[in-house]
Amino acid sequence: MATHARAPAEASPAAPACPVTRALGMLQAKWTLHIVRALLDGPKGFNELARALGGCNPVTLSQRLDGLVAAGLVERRAERAGPRRACYRLTDAGRALEEVLAAIEAWARRYPPPA
């Protein structure tokens, strides 16, 4: 009886099998890693975070924060100081990206991109 090797099932576009592909899909959106880097200094409110980023429009910042919260990298906590104030802080998973950012920085220092 001949057996036929089955081709590996292809990952659906919604859930690629490669963990690097999944991670890059989550982190590649503009401003995402900048937000993580800014929050490595400690928790920040929305306006403080916007100032730290300098140049990210509020709609984009809000969308990126929502995505980071949904991904479990950032947590949003309501502050008692006002009805619509929130404080954003990295989760353990978000803080673990510090090593990734340090590696990117080391690479960029060694192989500077053209100006």
N, C-alpha and C. Protein backbone atom coordinates (compact mmCIF):
# COMPACT_ATOMS: atom_id res chain seq x y z
N MET A 1 0.85 -1.17 0.00
CA MET A 1 0.00 0.00 0.00
C MET A 1 0.90 1.23 0.00
N ALA A 2 0.72 2.08 -0.96
CA ALA A 2 1.53 3.29 -1.07
C ALA A 2 0.95 4.37 -0.17
N THR A 3 1.84 5.05 0.51
CA THR A 3 1.38 6.18 1.32
C THR A 3 1.84 7.45 0.66
N HIS A 4 1.05 8.41 0.72
CA HIS A 4 1.37 9.70 0.12
C HIS A 4 1.60 10.72 1.22
N ALA A 5 2.71 11.39 1.10
CA ALA A 5 2.99 12.45 2.07
C ALA A 5 2.03 13.60 1.82
N ARG A 6 1.46 14.08 2.85
CA ARG A 6 0.54 15.20 2.72
C ARG A 6 1.32 16.50 2.78
N ALA A 7 0.94 17.39 1.94
CA ALA A 7 1.57 18.71 1.98
C ALA A 7 1.14 19.38 3.27
N PRO A 8 2.06 20.12 3.90
CA PRO A 8 1.66 20.80 5.14
C PRO A 8 0.55 21.79 4.85
N ALA A 9 -0.36 21.85 5.77
CA ALA A 9 -1.48 22.79 5.61
C ALA A 9 -0.94 24.21 5.60
N GLU A 10 -1.42 24.98 4.66
CA GLU A 10 -0.99 26.38 4.61
C GLU A 10 -1.72 27.17 5.69
N ALA A 11 -1.00 28.06 6.28
CA ALA A 11 -1.61 28.91 7.31
C ALA A 11 -2.57 29.87 6.64
N SER A 12 -3.66 30.12 7.28
CA SER A 12 -4.60 31.08 6.72
C SER A 12 -4.02 32.48 6.86
N PRO A 13 -4.38 33.39 5.96
CA PRO A 13 -3.85 34.76 6.07
C PRO A 13 -4.17 35.40 7.41
N ALA A 14 -5.27 34.99 8.02
CA ALA A 14 -5.66 35.58 9.30
C ALA A 14 -4.78 35.09 10.45
N ALA A 15 -4.18 33.90 10.29
CA ALA A 15 -3.38 33.35 11.38
C ALA A 15 -2.17 32.62 10.81
N PRO A 16 -1.14 33.38 10.37
CA PRO A 16 0.05 32.72 9.83
C PRO A 16 0.72 31.85 10.88
N ALA A 17 1.31 30.75 10.42
CA ALA A 17 1.93 29.80 11.34
C ALA A 17 3.25 30.32 11.91
N CYS A 18 3.96 31.11 11.16
CA CYS A 18 5.28 31.58 11.59
C CYS A 18 5.14 32.62 12.70
N PRO A 19 5.75 32.38 13.85
CA PRO A 19 5.62 33.35 14.95
C PRO A 19 6.23 34.71 14.63
N VAL A 20 7.29 34.72 13.80
CA VAL A 20 7.90 36.01 13.42
C VAL A 20 6.91 36.80 12.57
N THR A 21 6.25 36.11 11.64
CA THR A 21 5.26 36.78 10.80
C THR A 21 4.13 37.35 11.64
N ARG A 22 3.67 36.58 12.62
CA ARG A 22 2.58 37.06 13.49
C ARG A 22 3.04 38.27 14.31
N ALA A 23 4.26 38.19 14.85
CA ALA A 23 4.78 39.29 15.67
C ALA A 23 4.95 40.55 14.82
N LEU A 24 5.54 40.40 13.64
CA LEU A 24 5.73 41.57 12.78
C LEU A 24 4.39 42.15 12.34
N GLY A 25 3.43 41.30 12.11
CA GLY A 25 2.10 41.80 11.76
C GLY A 25 1.51 42.68 12.85
N MET A 26 1.80 42.34 14.08
CA MET A 26 1.28 43.12 15.21
C MET A 26 2.09 44.39 15.43
N LEU A 27 3.40 44.35 15.19
CA LEU A 27 4.28 45.45 15.57
C LEU A 27 4.65 46.40 14.43
N GLN A 28 4.33 46.05 13.19
CA GLN A 28 4.83 46.83 12.07
C GLN A 28 4.07 48.13 11.81
N ALA A 29 2.90 48.30 12.36
CA ALA A 29 2.14 49.52 12.11
C ALA A 29 2.92 50.74 12.60
N LYS A 30 2.88 51.79 11.81
CA LYS A 30 3.61 53.00 12.15
C LYS A 30 3.24 53.47 13.55
N TRP A 31 4.22 53.87 14.31
CA TRP A 31 4.14 54.40 15.67
C TRP A 31 4.07 53.33 16.75
N THR A 32 3.81 52.08 16.40
CA THR A 32 3.61 51.05 17.42
C THR A 32 4.84 50.89 18.31
N LEU A 33 6.01 50.68 17.72
CA LEU A 33 7.21 50.49 18.54
C LEU A 33 7.65 51.79 19.20
N HIS A 34 7.32 52.92 18.60
CA HIS A 34 7.61 54.21 19.25
C HIS A 34 6.80 54.34 20.54
N ILE A 35 5.56 53.89 20.50
CA ILE A 35 4.71 53.93 21.69
C ILE A 35 5.29 53.04 22.77
N VAL A 36 5.67 51.82 22.39
CA VAL A 36 6.27 50.90 23.36
C VAL A 36 7.53 51.53 23.96
N ARG A 37 8.37 52.10 23.11
CA ARG A 37 9.61 52.72 23.61
C ARG A 37 9.30 53.84 24.59
N ALA A 38 8.31 54.67 24.28
CA ALA A 38 7.95 55.78 25.18
C ALA A 38 7.42 55.26 26.51
N LEU A 39 6.69 54.15 26.48
CA LEU A 39 6.13 53.60 27.72
C LEU A 39 7.15 52.83 28.54
N LEU A 40 8.30 52.53 27.95
CA LEU A 40 9.36 51.89 28.74
C LEU A 40 9.85 52.81 29.86
N ASP A 41 9.66 54.12 29.68
CA ASP A 41 10.04 55.09 30.71
C ASP A 41 9.05 55.13 31.87
N GLY A 42 7.91 54.50 31.69
CA GLY A 42 6.90 54.47 32.74
C GLY A 42 5.53 54.82 32.19
N PRO A 43 4.50 54.65 33.00
CA PRO A 43 3.13 54.91 32.57
C PRO A 43 2.95 56.37 32.14
N LYS A 44 2.05 56.56 31.18
CA LYS A 44 1.77 57.91 30.69
C LYS A 44 0.29 58.03 30.36
N GLY A 45 -0.22 59.24 30.53
CA GLY A 45 -1.55 59.55 30.05
C GLY A 45 -1.50 59.76 28.55
N PHE A 46 -2.66 59.84 27.93
CA PHE A 46 -2.74 59.98 26.47
C PHE A 46 -1.99 61.22 25.98
N ASN A 47 -2.25 62.38 26.58
CA ASN A 47 -1.61 63.61 26.13
C ASN A 47 -0.10 63.60 26.38
N GLU A 48 0.31 63.05 27.50
CA GLU A 48 1.74 62.94 27.80
C GLU A 48 2.43 62.03 26.78
N LEU A 49 1.75 60.96 26.43
CA LEU A 49 2.29 60.04 25.43
C LEU A 49 2.37 60.71 24.07
N ALA A 50 1.33 61.47 23.71
CA ALA A 50 1.34 62.19 22.43
C ALA A 50 2.51 63.17 22.37
N ARG A 51 2.76 63.87 23.47
CA ARG A 51 3.89 64.81 23.50
C ARG A 51 5.22 64.07 23.38
N ALA A 52 5.33 62.93 24.05
CA ALA A 52 6.56 62.15 24.00
C ALA A 52 6.85 61.65 22.58
N LEU A 53 5.80 61.36 21.83
CA LEU A 53 5.98 60.86 20.47
C LEU A 53 6.25 61.99 19.49
N GLY A 54 5.62 63.13 19.69
CA GLY A 54 5.83 64.27 18.81
C GLY A 54 5.56 63.96 17.35
N GLY A 55 4.36 64.19 16.89
CA GLY A 55 4.07 64.02 15.48
C GLY A 55 3.03 62.96 15.17
N CYS A 56 2.66 62.17 16.13
CA CYS A 56 1.62 61.15 15.90
C CYS A 56 0.27 61.81 16.13
N ASN A 57 -0.61 61.75 15.13
CA ASN A 57 -1.90 62.40 15.33
C ASN A 57 -2.74 61.61 16.32
N PRO A 58 -3.67 62.27 17.00
CA PRO A 58 -4.44 61.62 18.07
C PRO A 58 -5.25 60.41 17.62
N VAL A 59 -5.79 60.44 16.41
CA VAL A 59 -6.58 59.30 15.93
C VAL A 59 -5.68 58.07 15.78
N THR A 60 -4.52 58.26 15.18
CA THR A 60 -3.57 57.16 15.01
C THR A 60 -3.11 56.65 16.36
N LEU A 61 -2.78 57.55 17.27
CA LEU A 61 -2.33 57.14 18.60
C LEU A 61 -3.41 56.32 19.29
N SER A 62 -4.63 56.76 19.22
CA SER A 62 -5.74 56.03 19.83
C SER A 62 -5.88 54.63 19.22
N GLN A 63 -5.79 54.55 17.90
CA GLN A 63 -5.89 53.25 17.23
C GLN A 63 -4.75 52.32 17.63
N ARG A 64 -3.54 52.85 17.66
CA ARG A 64 -2.39 52.01 18.03
C ARG A 64 -2.49 51.54 19.48
N LEU A 65 -2.92 52.44 20.37
CA LEU A 65 -3.09 52.04 21.77
C LEU A 65 -4.15 50.96 21.90
N ASP A 66 -5.26 51.11 21.18
CA ASP A 66 -6.30 50.08 21.22
C ASP A 66 -5.75 48.73 20.77
N GLY A 67 -4.93 48.74 19.70
CA GLY A 67 -4.34 47.51 19.20
C GLY A 67 -3.36 46.90 20.19
N LEU A 68 -2.56 47.75 20.83
CA LEU A 68 -1.59 47.26 21.82
C LEU A 68 -2.30 46.70 23.05
N VAL A 69 -3.41 47.32 23.44
CA VAL A 69 -4.21 46.81 24.56
C VAL A 69 -4.80 45.45 24.17
N ALA A 70 -5.38 45.36 22.96
CA ALA A 70 -5.98 44.11 22.50
C ALA A 70 -4.94 42.99 22.40
N ALA A 71 -3.70 43.35 22.06
CA ALA A 71 -2.63 42.36 21.92
C ALA A 71 -2.03 41.97 23.27
N GLY A 72 -2.42 42.66 24.34
CA GLY A 72 -1.91 42.34 25.66
C GLY A 72 -0.54 42.93 25.97
N LEU A 73 -0.12 43.94 25.19
CA LEU A 73 1.18 44.57 25.42
C LEU A 73 1.08 45.82 26.29
N VAL A 74 -0.09 46.42 26.30
CA VAL A 74 -0.33 47.65 27.06
C VAL A 74 -1.62 47.47 27.83
N GLU A 75 -1.66 48.02 29.03
CA GLU A 75 -2.93 48.04 29.77
C GLU A 75 -3.37 49.49 29.95
N ARG A 76 -4.65 49.68 29.91
CA ARG A 76 -5.25 51.01 30.08
C ARG A 76 -5.97 51.01 31.41
N ARG A 77 -5.66 52.00 32.22
CA ARG A 77 -6.33 52.14 33.51
C ARG A 77 -6.95 53.51 33.60
N ALA A 78 -8.17 53.55 34.06
CA ALA A 78 -8.84 54.82 34.25
C ALA A 78 -8.25 55.51 35.47
N GLU A 79 -8.02 56.79 35.34
CA GLU A 79 -7.55 57.58 36.47
C GLU A 79 -8.74 58.21 37.15
N ARG A 80 -8.63 58.43 38.43
CA ARG A 80 -9.73 59.03 39.17
C ARG A 80 -9.80 60.54 38.98
N ALA A 81 -8.78 61.13 38.36
CA ALA A 81 -8.72 62.58 38.23
C ALA A 81 -9.77 63.14 37.29
N GLY A 82 -10.33 62.34 36.44
CA GLY A 82 -11.32 62.86 35.51
C GLY A 82 -12.10 61.73 34.87
N PRO A 83 -13.23 62.08 34.31
CA PRO A 83 -14.10 61.04 33.76
C PRO A 83 -13.53 60.34 32.52
N ARG A 84 -12.71 61.03 31.74
CA ARG A 84 -12.22 60.44 30.50
C ARG A 84 -10.70 60.36 30.46
N ARG A 85 -10.09 60.33 31.62
CA ARG A 85 -8.62 60.25 31.66
C ARG A 85 -8.21 58.80 31.82
N ALA A 86 -7.15 58.44 31.10
CA ALA A 86 -6.64 57.08 31.20
C ALA A 86 -5.12 57.13 31.30
N CYS A 87 -4.59 56.10 31.89
CA CYS A 87 -3.15 55.95 32.01
C CYS A 87 -2.78 54.65 31.30
N TYR A 88 -1.74 54.71 30.51
CA TYR A 88 -1.29 53.55 29.76
C TYR A 88 0.04 53.08 30.33
N ARG A 89 0.17 51.76 30.49
CA ARG A 89 1.41 51.18 30.98
C ARG A 89 1.64 49.86 30.26
N LEU A 90 2.91 49.48 30.15
CA LEU A 90 3.25 48.22 29.51
C LEU A 90 2.93 47.05 30.44
N THR A 91 2.49 45.96 29.85
CA THR A 91 2.35 44.70 30.57
C THR A 91 3.73 44.03 30.59
N ASP A 92 3.82 42.89 31.21
CA ASP A 92 5.08 42.15 31.18
C ASP A 92 5.49 41.83 29.75
N ALA A 93 4.51 41.45 28.93
CA ALA A 93 4.80 41.14 27.52
C ALA A 93 5.30 42.38 26.79
N GLY A 94 4.73 43.53 27.08
CA GLY A 94 5.18 44.77 26.46
C GLY A 94 6.58 45.15 26.91
N ARG A 95 6.85 44.99 28.20
CA ARG A 95 8.19 45.31 28.72
C ARG A 95 9.25 44.39 28.13
N ALA A 96 8.87 43.17 27.76
CA ALA A 96 9.81 42.23 27.17
C ALA A 96 10.32 42.72 25.82
N LEU A 97 9.61 43.65 25.19
CA LEU A 97 10.06 44.21 23.92
C LEU A 97 11.26 45.14 24.09
N GLU A 98 11.61 45.47 25.32
CA GLU A 98 12.78 46.31 25.54
C GLU A 98 14.03 45.68 24.94
N GLU A 99 14.15 44.37 25.07
CA GLU A 99 15.30 43.66 24.50
C GLU A 99 15.30 43.76 22.97
N VAL A 100 14.13 43.68 22.38
CA VAL A 100 14.00 43.78 20.92
C VAL A 100 14.42 45.17 20.47
N LEU A 101 13.93 46.19 21.16
CA LEU A 101 14.29 47.57 20.80
C LEU A 101 15.77 47.82 21.01
N ALA A 102 16.35 47.25 22.05
CA ALA A 102 17.80 47.41 22.28
C ALA A 102 18.58 46.75 21.15
N ALA A 103 18.12 45.60 20.68
CA ALA A 103 18.80 44.92 19.57
C ALA A 103 18.69 45.74 18.28
N ILE A 104 17.53 46.32 18.03
CA ILE A 104 17.36 47.18 16.85
C ILE A 104 18.27 48.39 16.95
N GLU A 105 18.35 48.99 18.13
CA GLU A 105 19.22 50.15 18.32
C GLU A 105 20.69 49.78 18.09
N ALA A 106 21.12 48.64 18.63
CA ALA A 106 22.50 48.20 18.44
C ALA A 106 22.79 47.97 16.96
N TRP A 107 21.86 47.35 16.28
CA TRP A 107 22.03 47.12 14.84
C TRP A 107 22.11 48.44 14.08
N ALA A 108 21.23 49.39 14.42
CA ALA A 108 21.21 50.69 13.72
C ALA A 108 22.48 51.49 13.98
N ARG A 109 23.06 51.33 15.16
CA ARG A 109 24.33 52.01 15.45
C ARG A 109 25.49 51.38 14.65
N ARG A 110 25.42 50.07 14.51
CA ARG A 110 26.49 49.38 13.77
C ARG A 110 26.35 49.57 12.26
N TYR A 111 25.13 49.58 11.78
CA TYR A 111 24.86 49.74 10.35
C TYR A 111 23.89 50.90 10.15
N PRO A 112 24.38 52.13 10.31
CA PRO A 112 23.47 53.28 10.25
C PRO A 112 22.77 53.37 8.91
N PRO A 113 21.47 53.60 8.97
CA PRO A 113 20.73 53.78 7.71
C PRO A 113 21.19 55.08 7.05
N PRO A 114 21.08 55.16 5.72
CA PRO A 114 21.47 56.41 5.04
C PRO A 114 20.60 57.58 5.53
N ALA A 115 21.22 58.72 5.61
CA ALA A 115 20.50 59.92 6.09
C ALA A 115 19.53 60.45 5.07
